[in-house]
Amino acid sequence: MRNPARREPLLSRDALYAIRRDHVLHVVSANYSYKTEPYYTILRLELEGKAVLPSSASVIDAYVVPVCLERAHLAGIPVCEWGISQVYTPLPAILYGLNYYATALEYAVVRDTLKAKEFVKHITNRGKYPFCYQKLPEGAEIGSCTAIFGRTAGRCSRVAELAGQVYELFHIPLVTIVYVRAGERYLLSSLSPVKSSQLSEEERAILSAYLSQQEFL
């Protein structure tokens, strides 16, 4: 964990914080990907028998799109209709890679066969790996928002209910939610790391309020 004497900008790319709430340590970072410092910090705290959120299992599940959506669906969270393929994809659709280096930050919205073939070739390494597709309802809109302990700000307030449900399931303090708006419904598409440089002033204010309770381990 960071030395308290070291000054860092609020949530720089490598920043890592711990907040104690209700006798549980909450590890806060922009990125919880496997083999990152936040992931190993959570794992160490678990091995030490300490109560910590999010869990190491939850952060791994959250960033693998099909696993994330299945867990969310079983918890009653509305999710996009999805499938796994190596060639076929419905149109229009959102496509995510599933290879070892894939990240939910990289996805494509495809509406024609040519673009779909090009992106599928890219994310499957010419057919070596499968990909996840999500069929888009007619007239659907795709958007993304940052959730901070399940809270949203500004234009993202419209997905506050979805953000709260996602937090109750995965307990990730800081996460990017990609969603699909279909009529009056907001459907979960994926969860991914946050780009701290893109946080709004209101989001930074919310995050700063939480980080004022930080501990140094």
C-alpha atoms as a PDB file:
ATOM      1  CA  MET A   1       0.000   0.000   0.000  1.00  0.00           C
ATOM      2  CA  ARG A   2       1.171   3.547  -0.651  1.00  0.00           C
ATOM      3  CA  ASN A   3       3.380   5.420   1.820  1.00  0.00           C
ATOM      4  CA  PRO A   4       1.274   8.200   3.433  1.00  0.00           C
ATOM      5  CA  ALA A   5       4.135  10.681   3.016  1.00  0.00           C
ATOM      6  CA  ARG A   6       4.132  10.243  -0.723  1.00  0.00           C
ATOM      7  CA  ARG A   7       1.928  12.713  -2.555  1.00  0.00           C
ATOM      8  CA  GLU A   8      -0.017  11.426  -5.537  1.00  0.00           C
ATOM      9  CA  PRO A   9      -2.754  12.875  -7.678  1.00  0.00           C
ATOM     10  CA  LEU A  10      -6.205  11.615  -6.734  1.00  0.00           C
ATOM     11  CA  LEU A  11      -6.439   8.094  -8.100  1.00  0.00           C
ATOM     12  CA  SER A  12      -3.482   8.115 -10.456  1.00  0.00           C
ATOM     13  CA  ARG A  13      -3.208   5.044 -12.663  1.00  0.00           C
ATOM     14  CA  ASP A  14      -1.194   3.094 -10.082  1.00  0.00           C
ATOM     15  CA  ALA A  15      -2.810   4.494  -6.913  1.00  0.00           C
ATOM     16  CA  LEU A  16      -4.130   2.026  -4.351  1.00  0.00           C
ATOM     17  CA  TYR A  17      -6.171   2.864  -1.257  1.00  0.00           C
ATOM     18  CA  ALA A  18      -7.901   1.018   1.580  1.00  0.00           C
ATOM     19  CA  ILE A  19     -11.039   2.313   3.291  1.00  0.00           C
ATOM     20  CA  ARG A  20     -12.525   0.683   6.401  1.00  0.00           C
ATOM     21  CA  ARG A  21     -16.319   0.672   6.410  1.00  0.00           C
ATOM     22  CA  ASP A  22     -18.436  -1.452   8.778  1.00  0.00           C
ATOM     23  CA  HIS A  23     -15.338  -3.379   9.895  1.00  0.00           C
ATOM     24  CA  VAL A  24     -14.479  -4.354   6.307  1.00  0.00           C
ATOM     25  CA  LEU A  25     -11.493  -3.114   4.290  1.00  0.00           C
ATOM     26  CA  HIS A  26     -12.477  -1.847   0.853  1.00  0.00           C
ATOM     27  CA  VAL A  27      -9.586  -1.776  -1.607  1.00  0.00           C
ATOM     28  CA  VAL A  28      -9.984   1.119  -4.044  1.00  0.00           C
ATOM     29  CA  SER A  29      -8.163   1.252  -7.375  1.00  0.00           C
ATOM     30  CA  ALA A  30      -8.847   2.117 -10.987  1.00  0.00           C
ATOM     31  CA  ASN A  31      -7.904  -1.384 -12.132  1.00  0.00           C
ATOM     32  CA  TYR A  32      -8.377  -4.762 -10.416  1.00  0.00           C
ATOM     33  CA  SER A  33      -7.220  -6.952 -13.293  1.00  0.00           C
ATOM     34  CA  TYR A  34      -5.570 -10.304 -12.611  1.00  0.00           C
ATOM     35  CA  LYS A  35      -1.888 -10.019 -11.594  1.00  0.00           C
ATOM     36  CA  THR A  36      -2.121  -6.300 -10.823  1.00  0.00           C
ATOM     37  CA  GLU A  37      -1.073  -4.896  -7.435  1.00  0.00           C
ATOM     38  CA  PRO A  38      -4.720  -4.353  -6.352  1.00  0.00           C
ATOM     39  CA  TYR A  39      -5.549  -7.990  -7.154  1.00  0.00           C
ATOM     40  CA  TYR A  40      -2.568  -9.305  -5.164  1.00  0.00           C
ATOM     41  CA  THR A  41      -3.323  -6.903  -2.291  1.00  0.00           C
ATOM     42  CA  ILE A  42      -6.859  -8.293  -2.051  1.00  0.00           C
ATOM     43  CA  LEU A  43      -5.527 -11.848  -2.231  1.00  0.00           C
ATOM     44  CA  ARG A  44      -2.970 -11.175   0.530  1.00  0.00           C
ATOM     45  CA  LEU A  45      -5.606  -9.706   2.821  1.00  0.00           C
ATOM     46  CA  GLU A  46      -7.850 -12.723   2.225  1.00  0.00           C
ATOM     47  CA  LEU A  47      -5.000 -15.108   3.043  1.00  0.00           C
ATOM     48  CA  GLU A  48      -4.380 -13.159   6.241  1.00  0.00           C
ATOM     49  CA  GLY A  49      -7.993 -13.840   7.200  1.00  0.00           C
ATOM     50  CA  LYS A  50      -9.100 -10.208   6.992  1.00  0.00           C
ATOM     51  CA  ALA A  51     -12.518  -9.083   5.823  1.00  0.00           C
ATOM     52  CA  VAL A  52     -11.941  -7.380   2.471  1.00  0.00           C
ATOM     53  CA  LEU A  53     -14.027  -6.220  -0.479  1.00  0.00           C
ATOM     54  CA  PRO A  54     -14.115  -6.750  -3.355  1.00  0.00           C
ATOM     55  CA  SER A  55     -13.089 -10.396  -3.195  1.00  0.00           C
ATOM     56  CA  SER A  56     -10.390 -11.753  -5.497  1.00  0.00           C
ATOM     57  CA  ALA A  57     -12.986 -14.050  -7.099  1.00  0.00           C
ATOM     58  CA  SER A  58     -15.390 -11.175  -7.783  1.00  0.00           C
ATOM     59  CA  VAL A  59     -12.845  -8.973  -9.564  1.00  0.00           C
ATOM     60  CA  ILE A  60     -11.838 -11.841 -11.844  1.00  0.00           C
ATOM     61  CA  ASP A  61     -15.466 -12.718 -12.614  1.00  0.00           C
ATOM     62  CA  ALA A  62     -16.436  -9.094 -13.183  1.00  0.00           C
ATOM     63  CA  TYR A  63     -13.892  -8.518 -15.956  1.00  0.00           C
ATOM     64  CA  VAL A  64     -14.708 -11.682 -17.949  1.00  0.00           C
ATOM     65  CA  VAL A  65     -17.788 -10.625 -19.901  1.00  0.00           C
ATOM     66  CA  PRO A  66     -19.743 -13.932 -20.134  1.00  0.00           C
ATOM     67  CA  VAL A  67     -19.024 -14.793 -16.480  1.00  0.00           C
ATOM     68  CA  CYS A  68     -20.002 -11.283 -15.399  1.00  0.00           C
ATOM     69  CA  LEU A  69     -23.284 -11.427 -17.306  1.00  0.00           C
ATOM     70  CA  GLU A  70     -24.193 -14.898 -16.076  1.00  0.00           C
ATOM     71  CA  ARG A  71     -23.568 -13.946 -12.441  1.00  0.00           C
ATOM     72  CA  ALA A  72     -25.551 -10.743 -12.927  1.00  0.00           C
ATOM     73  CA  HIS A  73     -28.433 -12.591 -14.602  1.00  0.00           C
ATOM     74  CA  LEU A  74     -28.606 -15.129 -11.763  1.00  0.00           C
ATOM     75  CA  ALA A  75     -28.738 -12.214  -9.310  1.00  0.00           C
ATOM     76  CA  GLY A  76     -31.713 -10.713 -11.138  1.00  0.00           C
ATOM     77  CA  ILE A  77     -29.817  -7.892 -12.859  1.00  0.00           C
ATOM     78  CA  PRO A  78     -31.025  -7.140 -16.412  1.00  0.00           C
ATOM     79  CA  VAL A  79     -28.299  -8.075 -18.914  1.00  0.00           C
ATOM     80  CA  CYS A  80     -27.828  -8.086 -22.668  1.00  0.00           C
ATOM     81  CA  GLU A  81     -28.719 -11.195 -24.637  1.00  0.00           C
ATOM     82  CA  TRP A  82     -25.352 -12.845 -25.285  1.00  0.00           C
ATOM     83  CA  GLY A  83     -23.568 -15.833 -26.762  1.00  0.00           C
ATOM     84  CA  ILE A  84     -20.087 -17.197 -27.473  1.00  0.00           C
ATOM     85  CA  SER A  85     -18.846 -17.925 -30.974  1.00  0.00           C
ATOM     86  CA  GLN A  86     -15.744 -18.135 -33.160  1.00  0.00           C
ATOM     87  CA  VAL A  87     -17.398 -17.085 -36.411  1.00  0.00           C
ATOM     88  CA  TYR A  88     -21.116 -16.313 -36.230  1.00  0.00           C
ATOM     89  CA  THR A  89     -22.478 -13.057 -34.878  1.00  0.00           C
ATOM     90  CA  PRO A  90     -25.955 -11.546 -35.170  1.00  0.00           C
ATOM     91  CA  LEU A  91     -26.290  -7.994 -36.451  1.00  0.00           C
ATOM     92  CA  PRO A  92     -26.289  -5.464 -34.988  1.00  0.00           C
ATOM     93  CA  ALA A  93     -24.194  -6.546 -32.007  1.00  0.00           C
ATOM     94  CA  ILE A  94     -21.551  -5.622 -29.466  1.00  0.00           C
ATOM     95  CA  LEU A  95     -18.435  -7.806 -29.677  1.00  0.00           C
ATOM     96  CA  TYR A  96     -15.882  -8.569 -26.930  1.00  0.00           C
ATOM     97  CA  GLY A  97     -12.714 -10.644 -27.150  1.00  0.00           C
ATOM     98  CA  LEU A  98     -12.187 -13.619 -24.820  1.00  0.00           C
ATOM     99  CA  ASN A  99      -8.507 -14.396 -25.351  1.00  0.00           C
ATOM    100  CA  TYR A 100      -5.954 -14.150 -22.532  1.00  0.00           C
ATOM    101  CA  TYR A 101      -5.063 -10.543 -23.341  1.00  0.00           C
ATOM    102  CA  ALA A 102      -8.638  -9.382 -23.994  1.00  0.00           C
ATOM    103  CA  THR A 103     -10.124  -6.594 -21.936  1.00  0.00           C
ATOM    104  CA  ALA A 104     -13.704  -5.407 -21.713  1.00  0.00           C
ATOM    105  CA  LEU A 105     -12.352  -1.909 -22.375  1.00  0.00           C
ATOM    106  CA  GLU A 106     -11.967  -2.971 -26.006  1.00  0.00           C
ATOM    107  CA  TYR A 107     -15.251  -3.720 -27.718  1.00  0.00           C
ATOM    108  CA  ALA A 108     -16.905  -2.906 -31.018  1.00  0.00           C
ATOM    109  CA  VAL A 109     -20.436  -2.147 -32.096  1.00  0.00           C
ATOM    110  CA  VAL A 110     -20.939  -3.821 -35.481  1.00  0.00           C
ATOM    111  CA  ARG A 111     -23.890  -3.191 -37.766  1.00  0.00           C
ATOM    112  CA  ASP A 112     -22.716  -4.682 -41.055  1.00  0.00           C
ATOM    113  CA  THR A 113     -21.050  -7.912 -42.130  1.00  0.00           C
ATOM    114  CA  LEU A 114     -17.779  -6.355 -43.326  1.00  0.00           C
ATOM    115  CA  LYS A 115     -17.037  -4.553 -40.045  1.00  0.00           C
ATOM    116  CA  ALA A 116     -18.064  -7.630 -38.078  1.00  0.00           C
ATOM    117  CA  LYS A 117     -15.646  -9.865 -40.029  1.00  0.00           C
ATOM    118  CA  GLU A 118     -12.771  -7.412 -39.548  1.00  0.00           C
ATOM    119  CA  PHE A 119     -13.246  -7.099 -35.796  1.00  0.00           C
ATOM    120  CA  VAL A 120     -13.854 -10.825 -35.295  1.00  0.00           C
ATOM    121  CA  LYS A 121     -10.567 -11.543 -37.097  1.00  0.00           C
ATOM    122  CA  HIS A 122      -8.834  -9.099 -34.755  1.00  0.00           C
ATOM    123  CA  ILE A 123     -10.265 -10.302 -31.434  1.00  0.00           C
ATOM    124  CA  THR A 124     -10.001 -14.017 -32.274  1.00  0.00           C
ATOM    125  CA  ASN A 125      -6.454 -13.833 -33.670  1.00  0.00           C
ATOM    126  CA  ARG A 126      -7.771 -15.159 -36.978  1.00  0.00           C
ATOM    127  CA  GLY A 127     -10.056 -17.755 -35.440  1.00  0.00           C
ATOM    128  CA  LYS A 128      -7.815 -19.086 -32.659  1.00  0.00           C
ATOM    129  CA  TYR A 129     -10.031 -17.845 -29.825  1.00  0.00           C
ATOM    130  CA  PRO A 130     -13.771 -17.423 -29.240  1.00  0.00           C
ATOM    131  CA  PHE A 131     -15.507 -14.091 -28.691  1.00  0.00           C
ATOM    132  CA  CYS A 132     -18.630 -12.895 -26.941  1.00  0.00           C
ATOM    133  CA  TYR A 133     -21.437 -11.276 -28.909  1.00  0.00           C
ATOM    134  CA  GLN A 134     -24.414  -9.373 -27.574  1.00  0.00           C
ATOM    135  CA  LYS A 135     -27.389  -8.925 -29.844  1.00  0.00           C
ATOM    136  CA  LEU A 136     -28.613  -5.323 -29.904  1.00  0.00           C
ATOM    137  CA  PRO A 137     -32.354  -4.654 -29.848  1.00  0.00           C
ATOM    138  CA  GLU A 138     -33.629  -2.336 -32.558  1.00  0.00           C
ATOM    139  CA  GLY A 139     -33.106   1.314 -31.656  1.00  0.00           C
ATOM    140  CA  ALA A 140     -30.878   0.465 -28.697  1.00  0.00           C
ATOM    141  CA  GLU A 141     -28.341   2.976 -27.381  1.00  0.00           C
ATOM    142  CA  ILE A 142     -24.919   2.056 -25.931  1.00  0.00           C
ATOM    143  CA  GLY A 143     -23.338   4.094 -23.168  1.00  0.00           C
ATOM    144  CA  SER A 144     -20.789   3.865 -20.366  1.00  0.00           C
ATOM    145  CA  CYS A 145     -20.647   5.313 -16.866  1.00  0.00           C
ATOM    146  CA  THR A 146     -18.395   5.264 -13.831  1.00  0.00           C
ATOM    147  CA  ALA A 147     -19.819   3.885 -10.589  1.00  0.00           C
ATOM    148  CA  ILE A 148     -18.226   4.810  -7.238  1.00  0.00           C
ATOM    149  CA  PHE A 149     -19.332   2.502  -4.434  1.00  0.00           C
ATOM    150  CA  GLY A 150     -22.482   1.986  -6.488  1.00  0.00           C
ATOM    151  CA  ARG A 151     -23.106   5.710  -6.901  1.00  0.00           C
ATOM    152  CA  THR A 152     -23.278   7.622 -10.185  1.00  0.00           C
ATOM    153  CA  ALA A 153     -23.197  11.328 -10.983  1.00  0.00           C
ATOM    154  CA  GLY A 154     -24.366  13.757 -13.651  1.00  0.00           C
ATOM    155  CA  ARG A 155     -25.780  12.158 -16.780  1.00  0.00           C
ATOM    156  CA  CYS A 156     -24.980   8.756 -15.292  1.00  0.00           C
ATOM    157  CA  SER A 157     -27.646   9.225 -12.632  1.00  0.00           C
ATOM    158  CA  ARG A 158     -30.083   7.556 -15.028  1.00  0.00           C
ATOM    159  CA  VAL A 159     -28.305   4.233 -14.483  1.00  0.00           C
ATOM    160  CA  ALA A 160     -28.172   4.642 -10.698  1.00  0.00           C
ATOM    161  CA  GLU A 161     -30.363   1.589 -10.102  1.00  0.00           C
ATOM    162  CA  LEU A 162     -28.206  -0.615 -12.336  1.00  0.00           C
ATOM    163  CA  ALA A 163     -25.021   0.695 -10.692  1.00  0.00           C
ATOM    164  CA  GLY A 164     -26.403  -0.067  -7.247  1.00  0.00           C
ATOM    165  CA  GLN A 165     -27.312  -3.622  -8.258  1.00  0.00           C
ATOM    166  CA  VAL A 166     -23.859  -4.195  -9.733  1.00  0.00           C
ATOM    167  CA  TYR A 167     -22.199  -2.961  -6.540  1.00  0.00           C
ATOM    168  CA  GLU A 168     -24.338  -5.191  -4.346  1.00  0.00           C
ATOM    169  CA  LEU A 169     -23.227  -8.193  -6.414  1.00  0.00           C
ATOM    170  CA  PHE A 170     -19.523  -7.539  -7.039  1.00  0.00           C
ATOM    171  CA  HIS A 171     -18.667  -4.896  -4.381  1.00  0.00           C
ATOM    172  CA  ILE A 172     -16.173  -3.173  -6.687  1.00  0.00           C
ATOM    173  CA  PRO A 173     -15.713   0.405  -5.404  1.00  0.00           C
ATOM    174  CA  LEU A 174     -14.701   1.882  -8.738  1.00  0.00           C
ATOM    175  CA  VAL A 175     -15.822   0.401 -12.047  1.00  0.00           C
ATOM    176  CA  THR A 176     -16.845   1.322 -15.580  1.00  0.00           C
ATOM    177  CA  ILE A 177     -20.283   0.056 -16.539  1.00  0.00           C
ATOM    178  CA  VAL A 178     -21.081  -0.378 -20.226  1.00  0.00           C
ATOM    179  CA  TYR A 179     -24.835  -0.544 -20.660  1.00  0.00           C
ATOM    180  CA  VAL A 180     -27.447  -0.797 -23.390  1.00  0.00           C
ATOM    181  CA  ARG A 181     -30.632   1.243 -23.229  1.00  0.00           C
ATOM    182  CA  ALA A 182     -33.507  -0.644 -24.832  1.00  0.00           C
ATOM    183  CA  GLY A 183     -36.664   1.413 -24.504  1.00  0.00           C
ATOM    184  CA  GLU A 184     -36.997   2.192 -20.805  1.00  0.00           C
ATOM    185  CA  ARG A 185     -34.710  -0.662 -19.734  1.00  0.00           C
ATOM    186  CA  TYR A 186     -30.996  -0.417 -18.956  1.00  0.00           C
ATOM    187  CA  LEU A 187     -29.147  -3.671 -19.616  1.00  0.00           C
ATOM    188  CA  LEU A 188     -25.672  -4.536 -18.362  1.00  0.00           C
ATOM    189  CA  SER A 189     -23.180  -5.161 -21.182  1.00  0.00           C
ATOM    190  CA  SER A 190     -19.834  -5.331 -19.326  1.00  0.00           C
ATOM    191  CA  LEU A 191     -17.689  -4.137 -16.431  1.00  0.00           C
ATOM    192  CA  SER A 192     -14.135  -2.895 -16.857  1.00  0.00           C
ATOM    193  CA  PRO A 193     -11.373  -0.787 -15.243  1.00  0.00           C
ATOM    194  CA  VAL A 194     -11.815   2.958 -14.880  1.00  0.00           C
ATOM    195  CA  LYS A 195      -9.763   5.501 -16.811  1.00  0.00           C
ATOM    196  CA  SER A 196      -9.053   7.906 -13.970  1.00  0.00           C
ATOM    197  CA  SER A 197      -8.211  10.742 -16.346  1.00  0.00           C
ATOM    198  CA  GLN A 198     -11.798  10.683 -17.616  1.00  0.00           C
ATOM    199  CA  LEU A 199     -13.507  11.149 -14.245  1.00  0.00           C
ATOM    200  CA  SER A 200     -15.730  14.231 -14.103  1.00  0.00           C
ATOM    201  CA  GLU A 201     -15.334  16.860 -11.387  1.00  0.00           C
ATOM    202  CA  GLU A 202     -18.456  15.561  -9.637  1.00  0.00           C
ATOM    203  CA  GLU A 203     -17.153  11.987  -9.761  1.00  0.00           C
ATOM    204  CA  ARG A 204     -13.792  13.106  -8.363  1.00  0.00           C
ATOM    205  CA  ALA A 205     -15.584  14.889  -5.533  1.00  0.00           C
ATOM    206  CA  ILE A 206     -17.536  11.726  -4.628  1.00  0.00           C
ATOM    207  CA  LEU A 207     -14.378   9.626  -4.784  1.00  0.00           C
ATOM    208  CA  SER A 208     -12.414  12.146  -2.716  1.00  0.00           C
ATOM    209  CA  ALA A 209     -15.072  12.022   0.009  1.00  0.00           C
ATOM    210  CA  TYR A 210     -14.662   8.245   0.254  1.00  0.00           C
ATOM    211  CA  LEU A 211     -10.850   8.395   0.125  1.00  0.00           C
ATOM    212  CA  SER A 212     -10.757  10.814   3.049  1.00  0.00           C
ATOM    213  CA  GLN A 213     -11.373   7.717   5.190  1.00  0.00           C
ATOM    214  CA  GLN A 214      -8.368   5.844   3.798  1.00  0.00           C
ATOM    215  CA  GLU A 215      -5.980   3.696   5.831  1.00  0.00           C
ATOM    216  CA  PHE A 216      -2.376   2.761   5.109  1.00  0.00           C
ATOM    217  CA  LEU A 217      -1.508  -0.916   5.426  1.00  0.00           C
END
